[in-house]
Amino acid sequence: MTKIIKSITVGIILALIFIGCKSVAVLPTKTPVKNANLEALAARIKSSYPKIDKVRSRIKATYDDGKRKQQVIVQLRMENKKTIWLSATMLIPIAKILITPEQVSFYEKFQKTYFEGNFDLINAPFNTSFGYTDIENIFLGKPFLDPGVGKWKQISNPQHYILIPQGNRSGLQPTLFFDPVSFLLKEQRVLIPDSSYSLTIKYLNHLKVEGKSLPSLIEVTLFDGNKSQRLEMEFTRTDFTEGISFPFEIPQGYSKIEF
């Protein structure tokens, strides 16, 4: 009997040691769990992603570079993984952008210029490699990198789950900040390779539309090591509808922008 008791005791101790050494499971908490199970955390994060087909929003966009501040109203229409359509107005229409996985098209009425081509319009100034999915993810509040793919490291923080990618990776390598209760993305920071630029995207607020959590206030800051350019996007109206279109036609007589 003594041997049986000893065996049970040893088994319990070993089980406790084994459980204590394992990563802690992830549940909604006000304070992030240290040494969280990153696979479970990634699953919770992905479950918070909004599942949409088509969405349209009205955005109050404010640009501020420290010297001047300018505000425009932007109409956003988006079809998941297919099309992003943006129309900007300042009392009158001033510009339109149409983005698909294959190309970027753009025209503006002040200088009467346009662009049709690949993602050089976005990437050329900073030597980056943004694609369609990256831009769509900004509007949907999703990270540039999937935290469920590849190796990640958790950085201890009292407010957020902070994840940084590990190993040899090409392209963007963001530092990701997630809310410990909702698991929504609150911030991502990116150092632009081979430059002094850094990009920070903060999701300052979310709203629920038909049960889906979408960003309602996004702050994008580009810092060149000396000064910052900031774009704030306040979503004043968002809804889902199948009956949206993406009208886009470059006016006659406009000059093409070359890269």
Protein backbone atom coordinates (compact mmCIF):
# COMPACT_ATOMS: atom_id res chain seq x y z
CA MET A 1 0.00 0.00 0.00
CA THR A 2 2.86 2.37 0.84
CA LYS A 3 4.43 1.74 -2.56
CA ILE A 4 1.12 2.51 -4.26
CA ILE A 5 0.75 5.78 -2.33
CA LYS A 6 4.33 6.74 -3.17
CA SER A 7 3.74 5.97 -6.86
CA ILE A 8 0.56 8.07 -6.91
CA THR A 9 2.35 10.91 -5.11
CA VAL A 10 5.27 10.84 -7.54
CA GLY A 11 2.82 10.75 -10.48
CA ILE A 12 0.94 13.78 -9.16
CA ILE A 13 4.17 15.72 -8.61
CA LEU A 14 5.41 14.91 -12.13
CA ALA A 15 2.05 15.90 -13.60
CA LEU A 16 2.15 19.23 -11.75
CA ILE A 17 5.70 19.87 -12.92
CA PHE A 18 4.70 19.04 -16.50
CA ILE A 19 1.65 21.33 -16.37
CA GLY A 20 3.71 24.12 -14.79
CA CYS A 21 6.28 23.92 -17.57
CA LYS A 22 3.71 24.13 -20.34
CA SER A 23 2.63 27.49 -21.81
CA VAL A 24 -0.40 28.99 -20.14
CA ALA A 25 -3.71 28.74 -22.02
CA VAL A 26 -5.21 31.99 -23.29
CA LEU A 27 -8.47 33.40 -21.90
CA PRO A 28 -9.81 36.97 -21.99
CA THR A 29 -8.19 38.85 -19.09
CA LYS A 30 -7.54 42.48 -18.23
CA THR A 31 -3.83 41.73 -17.89
CA PRO A 32 -2.01 39.66 -20.54
CA VAL A 33 -0.95 36.16 -19.52
CA LYS A 34 2.81 35.72 -19.38
CA ASN A 35 4.28 32.88 -21.44
CA ALA A 36 0.98 32.42 -23.23
CA ASN A 37 0.41 29.49 -25.54
CA LEU A 38 1.19 31.30 -28.78
CA GLU A 39 -0.70 28.81 -30.93
CA ALA A 40 -3.82 29.28 -28.82
CA LEU A 41 -3.29 33.05 -28.77
CA ALA A 42 -3.03 33.16 -32.57
CA ALA A 43 -6.28 31.19 -32.83
CA ARG A 44 -8.07 33.66 -30.54
CA ILE A 45 -6.68 36.58 -32.53
CA LYS A 46 -7.83 35.12 -35.85
CA SER A 47 -11.29 34.47 -34.42
CA SER A 48 -11.63 38.24 -33.87
CA TYR A 49 -11.07 39.04 -37.57
CA PRO A 50 -14.18 40.46 -39.26
CA LYS A 51 -15.60 38.14 -41.90
CA ILE A 52 -17.00 40.35 -44.62
CA ASP A 53 -17.89 40.21 -48.29
CA LYS A 54 -18.63 43.85 -49.16
CA VAL A 55 -18.40 46.93 -46.96
CA ARG A 56 -18.73 50.65 -47.43
CA SER A 57 -17.70 53.47 -45.10
CA ARG A 58 -17.62 57.23 -44.88
CA ILE A 59 -14.28 58.42 -43.49
CA LYS A 60 -13.22 61.81 -42.15
CA ALA A 61 -9.51 61.82 -42.99
CA THR A 62 -7.15 64.37 -41.42
CA TYR A 63 -3.55 64.77 -42.60
CA ASP A 64 -1.02 66.58 -40.42
CA ASP A 65 2.71 66.96 -41.12
CA GLY A 66 3.38 69.51 -38.39
CA LYS A 67 3.29 72.43 -40.84
CA ARG A 68 -0.12 72.05 -42.37
CA LYS A 69 -3.32 70.26 -41.47
CA GLN A 70 -5.83 69.23 -44.10
CA GLN A 71 -9.13 67.38 -43.89
CA VAL A 72 -11.01 65.51 -46.62
CA ILE A 73 -14.03 63.23 -46.71
CA VAL A 74 -13.35 59.80 -48.18
CA GLN A 75 -15.91 57.29 -49.37
CA LEU A 76 -14.57 53.72 -49.05
CA ARG A 77 -16.03 50.72 -50.82
CA MET A 78 -14.41 47.32 -50.54
CA GLU A 79 -15.03 43.79 -51.75
CA ASN A 80 -13.03 41.23 -49.82
CA LYS A 81 -9.83 40.17 -51.61
CA LYS A 82 -10.97 41.83 -54.86
CA THR A 83 -11.37 45.61 -54.84
CA ILE A 84 -10.69 48.73 -52.76
CA TRP A 85 -12.33 51.92 -54.08
CA LEU A 86 -11.72 55.35 -52.55
CA SER A 87 -13.24 58.69 -53.53
CA ALA A 88 -12.02 61.88 -51.81
CA THR A 89 -13.91 65.18 -51.68
CA MET A 90 -13.35 68.71 -50.39
CA LEU A 91 -16.80 70.14 -51.11
CA ILE A 92 -16.22 68.81 -54.64
CA PRO A 93 -14.69 65.48 -55.78
CA ILE A 94 -10.89 65.76 -55.93
CA ALA A 95 -9.49 62.24 -56.42
CA LYS A 96 -10.31 58.58 -56.89
CA ILE A 97 -8.29 55.42 -56.29
CA LEU A 98 -9.07 51.88 -57.45
CA ILE A 99 -6.93 49.06 -56.05
CA THR A 100 -7.14 45.41 -57.09
CA PRO A 101 -4.70 42.55 -56.44
CA GLU A 102 -3.25 43.22 -59.90
CA GLN A 103 -2.88 47.00 -60.07
CA VAL A 104 -3.36 50.47 -58.66
CA SER A 105 -5.27 53.17 -60.58
CA PHE A 106 -5.48 56.77 -59.45
CA TYR A 107 -6.38 60.23 -60.68
CA GLU A 108 -6.57 63.68 -59.07
CA LYS A 109 -8.28 66.81 -60.36
CA PHE A 110 -5.99 69.58 -59.07
CA GLN A 111 -2.97 68.81 -61.25
CA LYS A 112 -4.99 66.65 -63.69
CA THR A 113 -2.68 63.66 -63.32
CA TYR A 114 -3.30 59.92 -63.20
CA PHE A 115 -1.53 56.64 -62.64
CA GLU A 116 -2.24 53.10 -63.84
CA GLY A 117 0.17 50.33 -63.02
CA ASN A 118 1.52 48.12 -60.30
CA PHE A 119 2.06 48.97 -56.64
CA ASP A 120 5.02 51.27 -57.40
CA LEU A 121 2.71 54.21 -56.70
CA ILE A 122 2.69 53.10 -53.05
CA ASN A 123 6.06 51.40 -52.72
CA ALA A 124 8.49 53.48 -54.79
CA PRO A 125 8.90 56.38 -52.31
CA PHE A 126 9.92 54.05 -49.47
CA ASN A 127 11.32 50.96 -51.20
CA THR A 128 8.64 48.81 -49.59
CA SER A 129 6.70 45.80 -50.87
CA PHE A 130 3.10 46.49 -49.89
CA GLY A 131 0.52 44.49 -51.82
CA TYR A 132 -3.24 44.43 -52.04
CA THR A 133 -3.74 42.30 -48.92
CA ASP A 134 -1.60 44.65 -46.80
CA ILE A 135 -3.74 47.64 -47.72
CA GLU A 136 -6.99 45.76 -47.17
CA ASN A 137 -5.74 44.59 -43.77
CA ILE A 138 -5.15 48.19 -42.65
CA PHE A 139 -8.84 49.01 -43.13
CA LEU A 140 -10.01 45.74 -41.55
CA GLY A 141 -7.74 45.98 -38.49
CA LYS A 142 -5.71 42.89 -39.36
CA PRO A 143 -1.92 42.55 -39.00
CA PHE A 144 0.48 42.54 -41.93
CA LEU A 145 1.78 39.13 -40.82
CA ASP A 146 -0.34 36.17 -39.69
CA PRO A 147 0.58 35.41 -36.05
CA GLY A 148 -0.40 31.80 -36.70
CA VAL A 149 2.33 31.30 -39.30
CA GLY A 150 6.02 30.92 -38.48
CA LYS A 151 7.79 31.53 -35.19
CA TRP A 152 6.84 34.37 -32.87
CA LYS A 153 8.05 35.69 -29.52
CA GLN A 154 5.88 37.23 -26.82
CA ILE A 155 7.19 40.41 -25.17
CA SER A 156 5.99 40.92 -21.58
CA ASN A 157 3.71 43.97 -21.25
CA PRO A 158 1.09 44.93 -18.65
CA GLN A 159 -1.45 46.17 -21.23
CA HIS A 160 -1.11 44.22 -24.47
CA TYR A 161 -0.06 40.92 -25.94
CA ILE A 162 3.00 41.99 -27.91
CA LEU A 163 4.28 39.63 -30.59
CA ILE A 164 7.40 39.96 -32.72
CA PRO A 165 8.33 37.60 -35.60
CA GLN A 166 11.35 35.34 -35.27
CA GLY A 167 13.68 33.71 -37.77
CA ASN A 168 14.63 34.68 -41.30
CA ARG A 169 11.71 36.42 -42.97
CA SER A 170 11.46 38.61 -46.02
CA GLY A 171 9.27 41.68 -46.35
CA LEU A 172 7.55 43.51 -43.52
CA GLN A 173 8.26 42.36 -39.96
CA PRO A 174 5.83 44.19 -37.70
CA THR A 175 5.65 44.30 -33.94
CA LEU A 176 2.02 43.53 -33.08
CA PHE A 177 -0.02 44.72 -30.08
CA PHE A 178 -3.29 42.92 -29.20
CA ASP A 179 -5.94 43.67 -26.60
CA PRO A 180 -6.02 40.93 -23.90
CA VAL A 181 -9.84 41.00 -23.61
CA SER A 182 -11.06 41.32 -27.20
CA PHE A 183 -7.86 40.06 -28.93
CA LEU A 184 -8.31 42.88 -31.46
CA LEU A 185 -5.23 44.45 -33.03
CA LYS A 186 -4.48 47.75 -31.26
CA GLU A 187 -1.20 48.69 -32.91
CA GLN A 188 1.45 47.50 -35.34
CA ARG A 189 4.90 49.02 -35.81
CA VAL A 190 7.11 48.46 -38.83
CA LEU A 191 10.69 49.52 -39.52
CA ILE A 192 11.04 50.15 -43.26
CA PRO A 193 14.07 48.09 -44.42
CA ASP A 194 17.18 49.99 -45.57
CA SER A 195 15.79 53.36 -44.52
CA SER A 196 15.27 55.60 -41.51
CA TYR A 197 11.50 55.36 -41.85
CA SER A 198 9.17 53.70 -39.38
CA LEU A 199 5.45 53.15 -39.79
CA THR A 200 3.04 52.94 -36.85
CA ILE A 201 -0.64 52.08 -37.24
CA LYS A 202 -2.85 52.48 -34.17
CA TYR A 203 -6.43 51.27 -33.88
CA LEU A 204 -7.77 53.71 -31.31
CA ASN A 205 -11.36 52.54 -31.41
CA HIS A 206 -13.60 49.82 -32.85
CA LEU A 207 -17.30 49.55 -33.47
CA LYS A 208 -19.54 46.53 -33.93
CA VAL A 209 -21.57 46.38 -37.12
CA GLU A 210 -23.92 43.42 -37.39
CA GLY A 211 -21.81 41.56 -34.84
CA LYS A 212 -18.50 42.25 -36.61
CA SER A 213 -15.78 44.37 -34.97
CA LEU A 214 -14.30 46.92 -37.36
CA PRO A 215 -11.91 49.83 -36.77
CA SER A 216 -13.67 53.17 -36.28
CA LEU A 217 -10.57 55.32 -35.61
CA ILE A 218 -7.19 54.58 -37.22
CA GLU A 219 -4.03 56.65 -36.79
CA VAL A 220 -1.21 56.11 -39.30
CA THR A 221 2.14 57.77 -38.52
CA LEU A 222 5.17 57.79 -40.80
CA PHE A 223 8.37 58.91 -39.06
CA ASP A 224 11.56 59.60 -41.04
CA GLY A 225 13.85 59.88 -38.02
CA ASN A 226 13.31 63.62 -37.81
CA LYS A 227 9.68 64.54 -38.41
CA SER A 228 6.34 62.78 -38.58
CA GLN A 229 3.47 62.69 -41.04
CA ARG A 230 0.18 61.61 -39.50
CA LEU A 231 -3.07 60.48 -41.08
CA GLU A 232 -6.13 60.02 -38.88
CA MET A 233 -9.14 58.17 -40.31
CA GLU A 234 -12.42 58.44 -38.42
CA PHE A 235 -15.11 56.09 -39.75
CA THR A 236 -18.36 58.02 -39.32
CA ARG A 237 -20.56 55.48 -41.07
CA THR A 238 -20.07 51.81 -41.96
CA ASP A 239 -22.49 49.23 -43.36
CA PHE A 240 -22.59 46.02 -45.36
CA THR A 241 -24.47 45.80 -48.62
CA GLU A 242 -24.31 43.69 -51.75
CA GLY A 243 -25.51 46.55 -53.94
CA ILE A 244 -22.30 48.57 -54.22
CA SER A 245 -20.38 49.40 -57.38
CA PHE A 246 -16.86 50.66 -58.08
CA PRO A 247 -17.16 53.35 -60.80
CA PHE A 248 -13.78 54.49 -62.10
CA GLU A 249 -12.89 56.24 -65.35
CA ILE A 250 -9.84 58.43 -65.91
CA PRO A 251 -10.91 61.76 -67.47
CA GLN A 252 -9.63 62.75 -70.90
CA GLY A 253 -6.59 65.01 -71.08
CA TYR A 254 -4.94 63.98 -67.81
CA SER A 255 -1.14 63.45 -67.66
CA LYS A 256 0.23 60.09 -66.59
CA ILE A 257 2.56 59.86 -63.57
CA GLU A 258 5.68 57.81 -64.36
CA PHE A 259 7.87 55.87 -61.90
